[in-house]
C-alpha atoms as a PDB file:
ATOM      1  CA  MET A   1      89.075 -67.643  11.869  1.00  0.00           C
ATOM      2  CA  PRO A   2      90.521 -71.004  12.947  1.00  0.00           C
ATOM      3  CA  ASP A   3      93.672 -72.461  11.442  1.00  0.00           C
ATOM      4  CA  VAL A   4      92.117 -75.907  11.073  1.00  0.00           C
ATOM      5  CA  SER A   5      88.533 -77.038  10.492  1.00  0.00           C
ATOM      6  CA  ILE A   6      87.764 -80.658  11.344  1.00  0.00           C
ATOM      7  CA  VAL A   7      84.689 -81.908   9.463  1.00  0.00           C
ATOM      8  CA  VAL A   8      82.923 -84.960  10.918  1.00  0.00           C
ATOM      9  CA  PRO A   9      79.804 -86.341   9.179  1.00  0.00           C
ATOM     10  CA  VAL A  10      77.758 -88.407  11.629  1.00  0.00           C
ATOM     11  CA  TYR A  11      74.740 -90.642  11.273  1.00  0.00           C
ATOM     12  CA  ASN A  12      73.471 -92.519  14.332  1.00  0.00           C
ATOM     13  CA  GLU A  13      76.765 -92.338  16.245  1.00  0.00           C
ATOM     14  CA  LYS A  14      75.306 -91.585  19.688  1.00  0.00           C
ATOM     15  CA  ALA A  15      77.847 -93.750  21.494  1.00  0.00           C
ATOM     16  CA  ASN A  16      80.867 -92.256  19.713  1.00  0.00           C
ATOM     17  CA  VAL A  17      80.613 -88.495  19.189  1.00  0.00           C
ATOM     18  CA  GLU A  18      81.388 -87.323  22.727  1.00  0.00           C
ATOM     19  CA  LYS A  19      84.420 -89.593  23.032  1.00  0.00           C
ATOM     20  CA  LEU A  20      85.593 -88.475  19.591  1.00  0.00           C
ATOM     21  CA  MET A  21      85.336 -84.819  20.591  1.00  0.00           C
ATOM     22  CA  GLU A  22      87.361 -85.496  23.735  1.00  0.00           C
ATOM     23  CA  GLU A  23      90.119 -87.134  21.673  1.00  0.00           C
ATOM     24  CA  ILE A  24      90.145 -84.344  19.088  1.00  0.00           C
ATOM     25  CA  ALA A  25      90.331 -81.671  21.783  1.00  0.00           C
ATOM     26  CA  ALA A  26      93.201 -83.424  23.560  1.00  0.00           C
ATOM     27  CA  VAL A  27      95.217 -83.701  20.344  1.00  0.00           C
ATOM     28  CA  MET A  28      94.529 -80.194  19.077  1.00  0.00           C
ATOM     29  CA  GLU A  29      95.272 -78.512  22.407  1.00  0.00           C
ATOM     30  CA  GLU A  30      98.719 -80.101  22.318  1.00  0.00           C
ATOM     31  CA  THR A  31      99.395 -78.670  18.868  1.00  0.00           C
ATOM     32  CA  GLY A  32      98.551 -75.105  19.909  1.00  0.00           C
ATOM     33  CA  MET A  33      96.631 -74.526  16.664  1.00  0.00           C
ATOM     34  CA  ASP A  34      93.352 -72.682  16.653  1.00  0.00           C
ATOM     35  CA  TYR A  35      90.681 -75.078  15.442  1.00  0.00           C
ATOM     36  CA  GLU A  36      86.986 -75.778  15.084  1.00  0.00           C
ATOM     37  CA  VAL A  37      85.110 -79.075  14.899  1.00  0.00           C
ATOM     38  CA  LEU A  38      82.187 -79.077  12.512  1.00  0.00           C
ATOM     39  CA  PHE A  39      79.827 -82.004  13.019  1.00  0.00           C
ATOM     40  CA  VAL A  40      77.307 -82.620  10.228  1.00  0.00           C
ATOM     41  CA  ASP A  41      74.311 -84.563  11.506  1.00  0.00           C
ATOM     42  CA  ASP A  42      73.001 -86.509   8.521  1.00  0.00           C
ATOM     43  CA  GLY A  43      69.486 -87.113   9.806  1.00  0.00           C
ATOM     44  CA  SER A  44      70.375 -89.188  12.897  1.00  0.00           C
ATOM     45  CA  THR A  45      67.466 -90.850  14.697  1.00  0.00           C
ATOM     46  CA  ASP A  46      69.209 -92.384  17.725  1.00  0.00           C
ATOM     47  CA  GLY A  47      69.768 -89.304  19.912  1.00  0.00           C
ATOM     48  CA  THR A  48      73.082 -88.262  18.354  1.00  0.00           C
ATOM     49  CA  LEU A  49      71.764 -84.748  17.828  1.00  0.00           C
ATOM     50  CA  ASP A  50      70.999 -84.287  21.549  1.00  0.00           C
ATOM     51  CA  ILE A  51      74.609 -85.074  22.398  1.00  0.00           C
ATOM     52  CA  LEU A  52      75.864 -82.712  19.706  1.00  0.00           C
ATOM     53  CA  LYS A  53      73.694 -79.901  21.062  1.00  0.00           C
ATOM     54  CA  ASP A  54      75.181 -80.491  24.497  1.00  0.00           C
ATOM     55  CA  LEU A  55      78.693 -80.371  23.040  1.00  0.00           C
ATOM     56  CA  VAL A  56      77.922 -77.012  21.435  1.00  0.00           C
ATOM     57  CA  LYS A  57      76.777 -75.628  24.790  1.00  0.00           C
ATOM     58  CA  ARG A  58      79.966 -76.738  26.504  1.00  0.00           C
ATOM     59  CA  ASN A  59      82.540 -75.968  23.832  1.00  0.00           C
ATOM     60  CA  ASP A  60      82.687 -72.884  21.626  1.00  0.00           C
ATOM     61  CA  ARG A  61      84.941 -74.728  19.184  1.00  0.00           C
ATOM     62  CA  VAL A  62      82.081 -77.043  18.198  1.00  0.00           C
ATOM     63  CA  ARG A  63      79.597 -76.222  15.455  1.00  0.00           C
ATOM     64  CA  VAL A  64      76.829 -78.484  14.196  1.00  0.00           C
ATOM     65  CA  VAL A  65      75.152 -78.529  10.795  1.00  0.00           C
ATOM     66  CA  ILE A  66      71.831 -80.360  10.968  1.00  0.00           C
ATOM     67  CA  PHE A  67      70.177 -81.961   7.944  1.00  0.00           C
ATOM     68  CA  ARG A  68      66.415 -82.373   7.746  1.00  0.00           C
ATOM     69  CA  ARG A  69      66.846 -85.984   6.650  1.00  0.00           C
ATOM     70  CA  ASN A  70      69.547 -88.436   5.647  1.00  0.00           C
ATOM     71  CA  PHE A  71      71.228 -87.179   2.468  1.00  0.00           C
ATOM     72  CA  GLY A  72      74.323 -89.397   2.501  1.00  0.00           C
ATOM     73  CA  GLN A  73      77.992 -89.030   3.317  1.00  0.00           C
ATOM     74  CA  SER A  74      78.950 -87.050   0.222  1.00  0.00           C
ATOM     75  CA  ALA A  75      76.300 -84.421   0.946  1.00  0.00           C
ATOM     76  CA  ALA A  76      77.364 -84.292   4.601  1.00  0.00           C
ATOM     77  CA  MET A  77      80.991 -83.769   3.641  1.00  0.00           C
ATOM     78  CA  ALA A  78      80.005 -81.116   1.110  1.00  0.00           C
ATOM     79  CA  ALA A  79      78.092 -79.221   3.797  1.00  0.00           C
ATOM     80  CA  GLY A  80      81.029 -79.473   6.182  1.00  0.00           C
ATOM     81  CA  PHE A  81      83.407 -78.160   3.550  1.00  0.00           C
ATOM     82  CA  ASP A  82      81.064 -75.308   2.624  1.00  0.00           C
ATOM     83  CA  PHE A  83      80.688 -74.088   6.203  1.00  0.00           C
ATOM     84  CA  SER A  84      84.264 -74.679   7.338  1.00  0.00           C
ATOM     85  CA  ARG A  85      86.292 -71.573   8.117  1.00  0.00           C
ATOM     86  CA  GLY A  86      89.843 -72.852   8.499  1.00  0.00           C
ATOM     87  CA  ASP A  87      92.695 -72.555   6.006  1.00  0.00           C
ATOM     88  CA  ILE A  88      93.230 -76.323   6.369  1.00  0.00           C
ATOM     89  CA  VAL A  89      90.278 -78.717   6.379  1.00  0.00           C
ATOM     90  CA  ILE A  90      90.412 -82.200   7.893  1.00  0.00           C
ATOM     91  CA  SER A  91      87.697 -84.778   7.190  1.00  0.00           C
ATOM     92  CA  MET A  92      87.199 -87.875   9.299  1.00  0.00           C
ATOM     93  CA  ASP A  93      84.539 -90.432  10.228  1.00  0.00           C
ATOM     94  CA  GLY A  94      82.525 -90.165  13.421  1.00  0.00           C
ATOM     95  CA  ASP A  95      82.755 -93.840  14.418  1.00  0.00           C
ATOM     96  CA  LEU A  96      86.087 -93.636  16.294  1.00  0.00           C
ATOM     97  CA  GLN A  97      87.852 -95.828  13.753  1.00  0.00           C
ATOM     98  CA  ASN A  98      89.948 -92.856  12.583  1.00  0.00           C
ATOM     99  CA  ASP A  99      92.484 -91.757  15.194  1.00  0.00           C
ATOM    100  CA  PRO A 100      92.633 -87.987  15.870  1.00  0.00           C
ATOM    101  CA  LYS A 101      96.321 -88.391  16.741  1.00  0.00           C
ATOM    102  CA  ASP A 102      96.965 -88.551  12.991  1.00  0.00           C
ATOM    103  CA  ILE A 103      95.624 -85.023  12.439  1.00  0.00           C
ATOM    104  CA  PRO A 104      98.944 -83.237  13.197  1.00  0.00           C
ATOM    105  CA  LYS A 105     100.729 -85.489  10.671  1.00  0.00           C
ATOM    106  CA  LEU A 106      98.191 -84.609   7.981  1.00  0.00           C
ATOM    107  CA  VAL A 107      98.483 -80.899   8.750  1.00  0.00           C
ATOM    108  CA  ALA A 108     102.283 -81.112   8.616  1.00  0.00           C
ATOM    109  CA  LYS A 109     102.087 -82.597   5.117  1.00  0.00           C
ATOM    110  CA  ILE A 110      99.804 -79.775   3.971  1.00  0.00           C
ATOM    111  CA  GLU A 111     102.318 -77.280   5.358  1.00  0.00           C
ATOM    112  CA  GLU A 112     105.008 -78.963   3.250  1.00  0.00           C
ATOM    113  CA  GLY A 113     103.151 -77.679   0.183  1.00  0.00           C
ATOM    114  CA  TYR A 114     100.639 -80.391  -0.669  1.00  0.00           C
ATOM    115  CA  ASP A 115      97.040 -79.516  -1.506  1.00  0.00           C
ATOM    116  CA  VAL A 116      95.465 -82.867  -0.579  1.00  0.00           C
ATOM    117  CA  VAL A 117      96.804 -85.508   1.808  1.00  0.00           C
ATOM    118  CA  ASN A 118      95.016 -88.850   1.753  1.00  0.00           C
ATOM    119  CA  GLY A 119      95.071 -91.243   4.686  1.00  0.00           C
ATOM    120  CA  TRP A 120      96.061 -94.857   4.079  1.00  0.00           C
ATOM    121  CA  ARG A 121      94.652 -97.403   6.537  1.00  0.00           C
ATOM    122  CA  LYS A 122      97.668 -99.644   6.148  1.00  0.00           C
ATOM    123  CA  ASN A 123      96.655-101.985   8.983  1.00  0.00           C
ATOM    124  CA  ARG A 124      92.908-101.856   8.571  1.00  0.00           C
ATOM    125  CA  LYS A 125      90.770-103.335  11.369  1.00  0.00           C
ATOM    126  CA  ASP A 126      87.765-104.459   9.328  1.00  0.00           C
ATOM    127  CA  PRO A 127      86.478-107.899   8.265  1.00  0.00           C
ATOM    128  CA  PHE A 128      88.551-109.195   5.376  1.00  0.00           C
ATOM    129  CA  TRP A 129      85.955-110.742   3.075  1.00  0.00           C
ATOM    130  CA  SER A 130      83.172-108.178   3.423  1.00  0.00           C
ATOM    131  CA  ARG A 131      85.218-104.974   3.674  1.00  0.00           C
ATOM    132  CA  ARG A 132      88.958-105.213   3.094  1.00  0.00           C
ATOM    133  CA  LEU A 133      88.985-107.481   0.022  1.00  0.00           C
ATOM    134  CA  PRO A 134      86.341-105.505  -1.948  1.00  0.00           C
ATOM    135  CA  SER A 135      88.122-102.295  -0.967  1.00  0.00           C
ATOM    136  CA  LEU A 136      91.495-103.644  -2.119  1.00  0.00           C
ATOM    137  CA  VAL A 137      90.074-104.637  -5.494  1.00  0.00           C
ATOM    138  CA  ALA A 138      88.235-101.315  -5.869  1.00  0.00           C
ATOM    139  CA  ASN A 139      91.370 -99.307  -5.044  1.00  0.00           C
ATOM    140  CA  LYS A 140      93.368-101.164  -7.694  1.00  0.00           C
ATOM    141  CA  ILE A 141      90.665-100.695 -10.337  1.00  0.00           C
ATOM    142  CA  ILE A 142      90.158 -96.990  -9.573  1.00  0.00           C
ATOM    143  CA  GLY A 143      93.882 -96.290  -9.600  1.00  0.00           C
ATOM    144  CA  TRP A 144      94.365 -98.159 -12.878  1.00  0.00           C
ATOM    145  CA  ILE A 145      91.432 -96.493 -14.636  1.00  0.00           C
ATOM    146  CA  THR A 146      91.934 -92.918 -13.404  1.00  0.00           C
ATOM    147  CA  GLY A 147      95.724 -92.841 -13.153  1.00  0.00           C
ATOM    148  CA  VAL A 148      95.450 -91.304  -9.657  1.00  0.00           C
ATOM    149  CA  ARG A 149      97.180 -93.933  -7.579  1.00  0.00           C
ATOM    150  CA  VAL A 150      96.519 -93.970  -3.855  1.00  0.00           C
ATOM    151  CA  HIS A 151      96.258 -97.045  -1.680  1.00  0.00           C
ATOM    152  CA  ASP A 152      92.992 -96.239   0.084  1.00  0.00           C
ATOM    153  CA  TYR A 153      90.236 -94.338  -1.677  1.00  0.00           C
ATOM    154  CA  GLY A 154      87.752 -95.258   1.052  1.00  0.00           C
ATOM    155  CA  CYS A 155      89.632 -93.578   3.901  1.00  0.00           C
ATOM    156  CA  SER A 156      87.735 -90.503   5.097  1.00  0.00           C
ATOM    157  CA  LEU A 157      90.698 -89.189   7.087  1.00  0.00           C
ATOM    158  CA  ARG A 158      92.170 -86.582   4.755  1.00  0.00           C
ATOM    159  CA  ALA A 159      93.569 -83.061   4.838  1.00  0.00           C
ATOM    160  CA  TYR A 160      92.945 -80.359   2.262  1.00  0.00           C
ATOM    161  CA  LYS A 161      93.701 -76.752   1.597  1.00  0.00           C
ATOM    162  CA  ALA A 162      90.445 -74.846   1.911  1.00  0.00           C
ATOM    163  CA  ASP A 163      90.576 -73.307  -1.565  1.00  0.00           C
ATOM    164  CA  VAL A 164      90.748 -76.804  -3.072  1.00  0.00           C
ATOM    165  CA  VAL A 165      88.057 -78.521  -1.071  1.00  0.00           C
ATOM    166  CA  LYS A 166      85.476 -75.772  -1.520  1.00  0.00           C
ATOM    167  CA  ASN A 167      85.504 -76.281  -5.303  1.00  0.00           C
ATOM    168  CA  LEU A 168      85.037 -80.047  -5.482  1.00  0.00           C
ATOM    169  CA  GLY A 169      81.265 -80.239  -6.041  1.00  0.00           C
ATOM    170  CA  LEU A 170      80.398 -83.428  -4.133  1.00  0.00           C
ATOM    171  CA  TYR A 171      77.150 -85.345  -4.572  1.00  0.00           C
ATOM    172  CA  GLY A 172      76.020 -88.934  -5.063  1.00  0.00           C
ATOM    173  CA  GLU A 173      78.809 -91.147  -3.679  1.00  0.00           C
ATOM    174  CA  LEU A 174      81.683 -89.011  -4.946  1.00  0.00           C
ATOM    175  CA  HIS A 175      83.326 -88.449  -1.550  1.00  0.00           C
ATOM    176  CA  ARG A 176      85.437 -91.569  -2.078  1.00  0.00           C
ATOM    177  CA  PHE A 177      86.773 -90.092  -5.334  1.00  0.00           C
ATOM    178  CA  ILE A 178      88.011 -86.826  -3.820  1.00  0.00           C
ATOM    179  CA  PRO A 179      91.655 -87.452  -4.866  1.00  0.00           C
ATOM    180  CA  VAL A 180      90.496 -87.915  -8.475  1.00  0.00           C
ATOM    181  CA  LEU A 181      88.189 -84.879  -8.409  1.00  0.00           C
ATOM    182  CA  ALA A 182      90.956 -82.769  -6.869  1.00  0.00           C
ATOM    183  CA  SER A 183      93.399 -83.938  -9.545  1.00  0.00           C
ATOM    184  CA  LEU A 184      91.173 -82.304 -12.173  1.00  0.00           C
ATOM    185  CA  TYR A 185      92.319 -78.950 -10.762  1.00  0.00           C
ATOM    186  CA  GLY A 186      95.992 -79.861 -11.033  1.00  0.00           C
ATOM    187  CA  VAL A 187      96.575 -80.114  -7.296  1.00  0.00           C
ATOM    188  CA  LYS A 188      99.570 -81.645  -5.589  1.00  0.00           C
ATOM    189  CA  TYR A 189      98.522 -84.693  -3.570  1.00  0.00           C
ATOM    190  CA  THR A 190     100.151 -87.388  -1.489  1.00  0.00           C
ATOM    191  CA  GLU A 191      99.213 -90.026   1.085  1.00  0.00           C
ATOM    192  CA  ILE A 192     100.497 -91.131   4.471  1.00  0.00           C
ATOM    193  CA  PRO A 193      99.777 -94.226   6.591  1.00  0.00           C
ATOM    194  CA  VAL A 194      97.263 -93.565   9.356  1.00  0.00           C
ATOM    195  CA  SER A 195      95.983 -95.620  12.264  1.00  0.00           C
ATOM    196  CA  HIS A 196      92.750 -97.547  12.034  1.00  0.00           C
ATOM    197  CA  ARG A 197      90.797 -98.879  14.972  1.00  0.00           C
ATOM    198  CA  SER A 198      88.109-101.509  15.321  1.00  0.00           C
ATOM    199  CA  ARG A 199      84.575-100.264  15.703  1.00  0.00           C
ATOM    200  CA  THR A 200      83.458-100.669  19.336  1.00  0.00           C
ATOM    201  CA  HIS A 201      80.051 -98.980  19.270  1.00  0.00           C
ATOM    202  CA  GLY A 202      77.301 -98.726  16.684  1.00  0.00           C
ATOM    203  CA  SER A 203      77.103-100.491  13.360  1.00  0.00           C
ATOM    204  CA  SER A 204      78.756 -99.935  10.010  1.00  0.00           C
ATOM    205  CA  LYS A 205      76.772 -98.049   7.361  1.00  0.00           C
ATOM    206  CA  TYR A 206      78.648 -99.797   4.547  1.00  0.00           C
ATOM    207  CA  GLY A 207      78.077-103.104   2.830  1.00  0.00           C
ATOM    208  CA  LEU A 208      78.423-105.041  -0.388  1.00  0.00           C
ATOM    209  CA  SER A 209      75.317-103.284  -1.739  1.00  0.00           C
ATOM    210  CA  ARG A 210      77.442-100.174  -2.282  1.00  0.00           C
ATOM    211  CA  ILE A 211      79.600-101.860  -4.921  1.00  0.00           C
ATOM    212  CA  TYR A 212      77.178-101.036  -7.725  1.00  0.00           C
ATOM    213  CA  ARG A 213      77.039 -97.371  -6.708  1.00  0.00           C
ATOM    214  CA  VAL A 214      80.816 -97.174  -6.505  1.00  0.00           C
ATOM    215  CA  LEU A 215      81.181 -98.628 -10.016  1.00  0.00           C
ATOM    216  CA  SER A 216      78.558 -96.225 -11.366  1.00  0.00           C
ATOM    217  CA  ASP A 217      80.314 -93.236  -9.815  1.00  0.00           C
ATOM    218  CA  LEU A 218      83.648 -94.504 -11.141  1.00  0.00           C
ATOM    219  CA  LEU A 219      82.271 -94.313 -14.687  1.00  0.00           C
ATOM    220  CA  LEU A 220      81.024 -90.800 -13.967  1.00  0.00           C
ATOM    221  CA  VAL A 221      84.345 -89.660 -12.501  1.00  0.00           C
ATOM    222  CA  LEU A 222      86.214 -91.185 -15.433  1.00  0.00           C
ATOM    223  CA  PHE A 223      84.003 -89.228 -17.821  1.00  0.00           C
ATOM    224  CA  PHE A 224      84.615 -86.005 -15.853  1.00  0.00           C
ATOM    225  CA  GLN A 225      88.335 -86.684 -15.804  1.00  0.00           C
ATOM    226  CA  LYS A 226      88.752 -87.483 -19.487  1.00  0.00           C
ATOM    227  CA  PHE A 227      85.930 -85.772 -21.361  1.00  0.00           C
ATOM    228  CA  MET A 228      84.343 -83.072 -19.195  1.00  0.00           C
ATOM    229  CA  THR A 229      85.628 -80.214 -21.328  1.00  0.00           C
ATOM    230  CA  ARG A 230      85.515 -82.103 -24.631  1.00  0.00           C
ATOM    231  CA  PRO A 231      82.537 -84.495 -24.588  1.00  0.00           C
ATOM    232  CA  LEU A 232      82.643 -84.841 -28.368  1.00  0.00           C
ATOM    233  CA  HIS A 233      85.895 -86.772 -27.982  1.00  0.00           C
ATOM    234  CA  PHE A 234      83.852 -89.380 -26.153  1.00  0.00           C
ATOM    235  CA  PHE A 235      80.633 -89.308 -28.132  1.00  0.00           C
ATOM    236  CA  GLY A 236      82.351 -88.930 -31.517  1.00  0.00           C
ATOM    237  CA  PRO A 237      84.284 -92.233 -31.578  1.00  0.00           C
ATOM    238  CA  LEU A 238      81.400 -94.077 -29.926  1.00  0.00           C
ATOM    239  CA  GLY A 239      78.853 -92.711 -32.373  1.00  0.00           C
ATOM    240  CA  GLY A 240      81.191 -93.281 -35.293  1.00  0.00           C
ATOM    241  CA  PHE A 241      81.777 -96.883 -34.267  1.00  0.00           C
ATOM    242  CA  MET A 242      78.029 -97.449 -33.987  1.00  0.00           C
ATOM    243  CA  LEU A 243      77.367 -95.858 -37.379  1.00  0.00           C
ATOM    244  CA  ILE A 244      80.126 -97.784 -39.152  1.00  0.00           C
ATOM    245  CA  THR A 245      79.066-101.052 -37.554  1.00  0.00           C
ATOM    246  CA  GLY A 246      75.459-100.418 -38.490  1.00  0.00           C
ATOM    247  CA  PHE A 247      76.465 -99.479 -42.026  1.00  0.00           C
ATOM    248  CA  LEU A 248      78.461-102.680 -42.443  1.00  0.00           C
ATOM    249  CA  ILE A 249      75.585-104.784 -41.134  1.00  0.00           C
ATOM    250  CA  GLU A 250      73.142-103.057 -43.455  1.00  0.00           C
ATOM    251  CA  THR A 251      75.529-103.453 -46.388  1.00  0.00           C
ATOM    252  CA  TYR A 252      75.882-107.159 -45.679  1.00  0.00           C
ATOM    253  CA  LEU A 253      72.132-107.639 -45.378  1.00  0.00           C
ATOM    254  CA  SER A 254      71.527-105.555 -48.526  1.00  0.00           C
ATOM    255  CA  PHE A 255      73.973-107.744 -50.463  1.00  0.00           C
ATOM    256  CA  ILE A 256      72.112-110.845 -49.308  1.00  0.00           C
ATOM    257  CA  LYS A 257      68.791-109.290 -50.266  1.00  0.00           C
ATOM    258  CA  LEU A 258      69.703-107.703 -53.622  1.00  0.00           C
ATOM    259  CA  VAL A 259      72.385-110.045 -54.982  1.00  0.00           C
ATOM    260  CA  MET A 260      71.471-113.390 -53.496  1.00  0.00           C
ATOM    261  CA  GLY A 261      67.742-112.751 -53.444  1.00  0.00           C
ATOM    262  CA  GLN A 262      67.268-113.966 -49.891  1.00  0.00           C
ATOM    263  CA  SER A 263      64.738-112.528 -47.445  1.00  0.00           C
ATOM    264  CA  ILE A 264      66.232-110.655 -44.489  1.00  0.00           C
ATOM    265  CA  GLY A 265      63.120-109.487 -42.637  1.00  0.00           C
ATOM    266  CA  HIS A 266      62.940-112.617 -40.494  1.00  0.00           C
ATOM    267  CA  ARG A 267      66.643-112.736 -39.602  1.00  0.00           C
ATOM    268  CA  PRO A 268      67.388-112.449 -35.855  1.00  0.00           C
ATOM    269  CA  LEU A 269      70.636-110.600 -36.756  1.00  0.00           C
ATOM    270  CA  LEU A 270      68.659-107.650 -38.105  1.00  0.00           C
ATOM    271  CA  GLN A 271      66.348-107.418 -35.108  1.00  0.00           C
ATOM    272  CA  LEU A 272      69.008-108.037 -32.488  1.00  0.00           C
ATOM    273  CA  GLY A 273      71.445-105.579 -34.037  1.00  0.00           C
ATOM    274  CA  VAL A 274      68.885-102.784 -34.187  1.00  0.00           C
ATOM    275  CA  LEU A 275      67.730-103.481 -30.634  1.00  0.00           C
ATOM    276  CA  LEU A 276      71.238-103.494 -29.155  1.00  0.00           C
ATOM    277  CA  ILE A 277      72.356-100.369 -30.993  1.00  0.00           C
ATOM    278  CA  LEU A 278      69.299 -98.342 -30.039  1.00  0.00           C
ATOM    279  CA  SER A 279      69.248 -99.583 -26.448  1.00  0.00           C
ATOM    280  CA  GLY A 280      72.960 -99.002 -25.902  1.00  0.00           C
ATOM    281  CA  ILE A 281      72.929 -95.494 -27.320  1.00  0.00           C
ATOM    282  CA  SER A 282      69.791 -94.605 -25.371  1.00  0.00           C
ATOM    283  CA  ILE A 283      70.965 -95.934 -22.009  1.00  0.00           C
ATOM    284  CA  LEU A 284      74.562 -94.680 -22.078  1.00  0.00           C
ATOM    285  CA  GLY A 285      73.760 -91.385 -23.720  1.00  0.00           C
ATOM    286  CA  THR A 286      70.843 -90.626 -21.422  1.00  0.00           C
ATOM    287  CA  GLY A 287      72.780 -91.590 -18.299  1.00  0.00           C
ATOM    288  CA  ILE A 288      75.762 -89.380 -19.022  1.00  0.00           C
ATOM    289  CA  ILE A 289      73.680 -86.440 -20.228  1.00  0.00           C
ATOM    290  CA  VAL A 290      71.541 -86.581 -17.100  1.00  0.00           C
ATOM    291  CA  GLU A 291      74.649 -86.576 -14.903  1.00  0.00           C
ATOM    292  CA  MET A 292      76.015 -83.560 -16.725  1.00  0.00           C
ATOM    293  CA  VAL A 293      72.702 -81.746 -16.434  1.00  0.00           C
ATOM    294  CA  MET A 294      72.694 -82.432 -12.704  1.00  0.00           C
ATOM    295  CA  ARG A 295      76.230 -81.109 -12.331  1.00  0.00           C
ATOM    296  CA  THR A 296      75.276 -77.972 -14.242  1.00  0.00           C
ATOM    297  CA  TYR A 297      72.181 -77.580 -12.083  1.00  0.00           C
ATOM    298  CA  TYR A 298      74.174 -77.703  -8.856  1.00  0.00           C
ATOM    299  CA  GLU A 299      77.229 -75.697  -9.838  1.00  0.00           C
ATOM    300  CA  SER A 300      75.984 -73.003 -12.216  1.00  0.00           C
ATOM    301  CA  GLN A 301      73.143 -71.995  -9.883  1.00  0.00           C
ATOM    302  CA  GLY A 302      74.997 -72.511  -6.631  1.00  0.00           C
ATOM    303  CA  LYS A 303      72.653 -75.328  -5.649  1.00  0.00           C
ATOM    304  CA  ARG A 304      73.607 -77.851  -2.971  1.00  0.00           C
ATOM    305  CA  PRO A 305      72.600 -81.522  -2.663  1.00  0.00           C
ATOM    306  CA  TYR A 306      71.284 -81.061   0.872  1.00  0.00           C
ATOM    307  CA  VAL A 307      68.809 -79.011   2.911  1.00  0.00           C
ATOM    308  CA  ILE A 308      69.913 -77.558   6.244  1.00  0.00           C
ATOM    309  CA  ARG A 309      67.481 -77.048   9.106  1.00  0.00           C
ATOM    310  CA  GLU A 310      69.815 -74.970  11.244  1.00  0.00           C
ATOM    311  CA  ILE A 311      73.430 -74.391  12.236  1.00  0.00           C
ATOM    312  CA  LEU A 312      74.249 -74.418  15.925  1.00  0.00           C
ATOM    313  CA  GLU A 313      76.995 -72.401  17.580  1.00  0.00           C
ATOM    314  CA  LYS A 314      77.594 -71.690  21.246  1.00  0.00           C
ATOM    315  CA  THR A 315      76.850 -67.985  20.887  1.00  0.00           C
ATOM    316  CA  ASP A 316      73.445 -68.754  19.369  1.00  0.00           C
ATOM    317  CA  ILE A 317      72.505 -71.064  22.235  1.00  0.00           C
ATOM    318  CA  GLU A 318      73.648 -68.493  24.788  1.00  0.00           C
ATOM    319  CA  LYS A 319      71.495 -65.837  23.138  1.00  0.00           C
ATOM    320  CA  LYS A 320      68.453 -68.118  23.221  1.00  0.00           C
ATOM    321  CA  GLU A 321      69.030 -68.908  26.892  1.00  0.00           C
ATOM    322  CA  CYS A 322      69.402 -65.193  27.741  1.00  0.00           C
ATOM    323  CA  ARG A 323      66.075 -64.434  26.069  1.00  0.00           C
ATOM    324  CA  ARG A 324      64.428 -67.014  28.294  1.00  0.00           C
END
């Protein structure tokens, strides 16, 4: 079993994966640690998979998990974590913007006794208005709401102890909230500055359209963090507030009807109040219950949010070639 597993989700990174593997190999050979590199192909359509297959043939440290279609980065990371074999797991992007030279620093922090080490792209090489500014605002909001304060939630370059990362239960867009999810288990986490490089090949898979999904997942993570084991503490005050407010409104309208003799059936207050109360309870309650049902579905039955076509290793390819 390797000491370190390096998990790299890739989607249409044909121009980057071979160069990335060369850089990882150069760094890891200098460290003397036994390692594996686990690429997760998230339904690439540009020829990335052909290059990954060639890497597997040439290097027995490379393994490839292949999805049948694009399931998203969280699912790809989850698959990489599930099939990793090292005691320490490193995650990183496949676009060459993360620098493999930072891997030894992350591993050293884990060996100091930390369970999760988050990378901080202190000098980030991305456009300011479309990427860095929204990320800065999101990091502040997430840290303030969850109480887990790291500078860069969006950095994929992280290190984990294997026993922590294999129990996270990633789906949706939750990969960016790994420090918060890990904190639910009482882990010891820290962060260190890491290098960040400009993208030279391919195109970014991120954009402003992801803001809504990030905010939605933030609400979900906050619920998991605060009320996962005691949901009544969330629903009780909310339901009580709704009931008391409704009771006060009905009391007021009843007073107008019975004491003052005025008609209340045509009042917009009555119709609007009923509509808002019912709609709010239905939307929020249904959304949270559905998320909890989905989590139960995945975790209690051992389900995974992805479907794997095959897993490639050098020994498998050699066996196939010998049969020919």
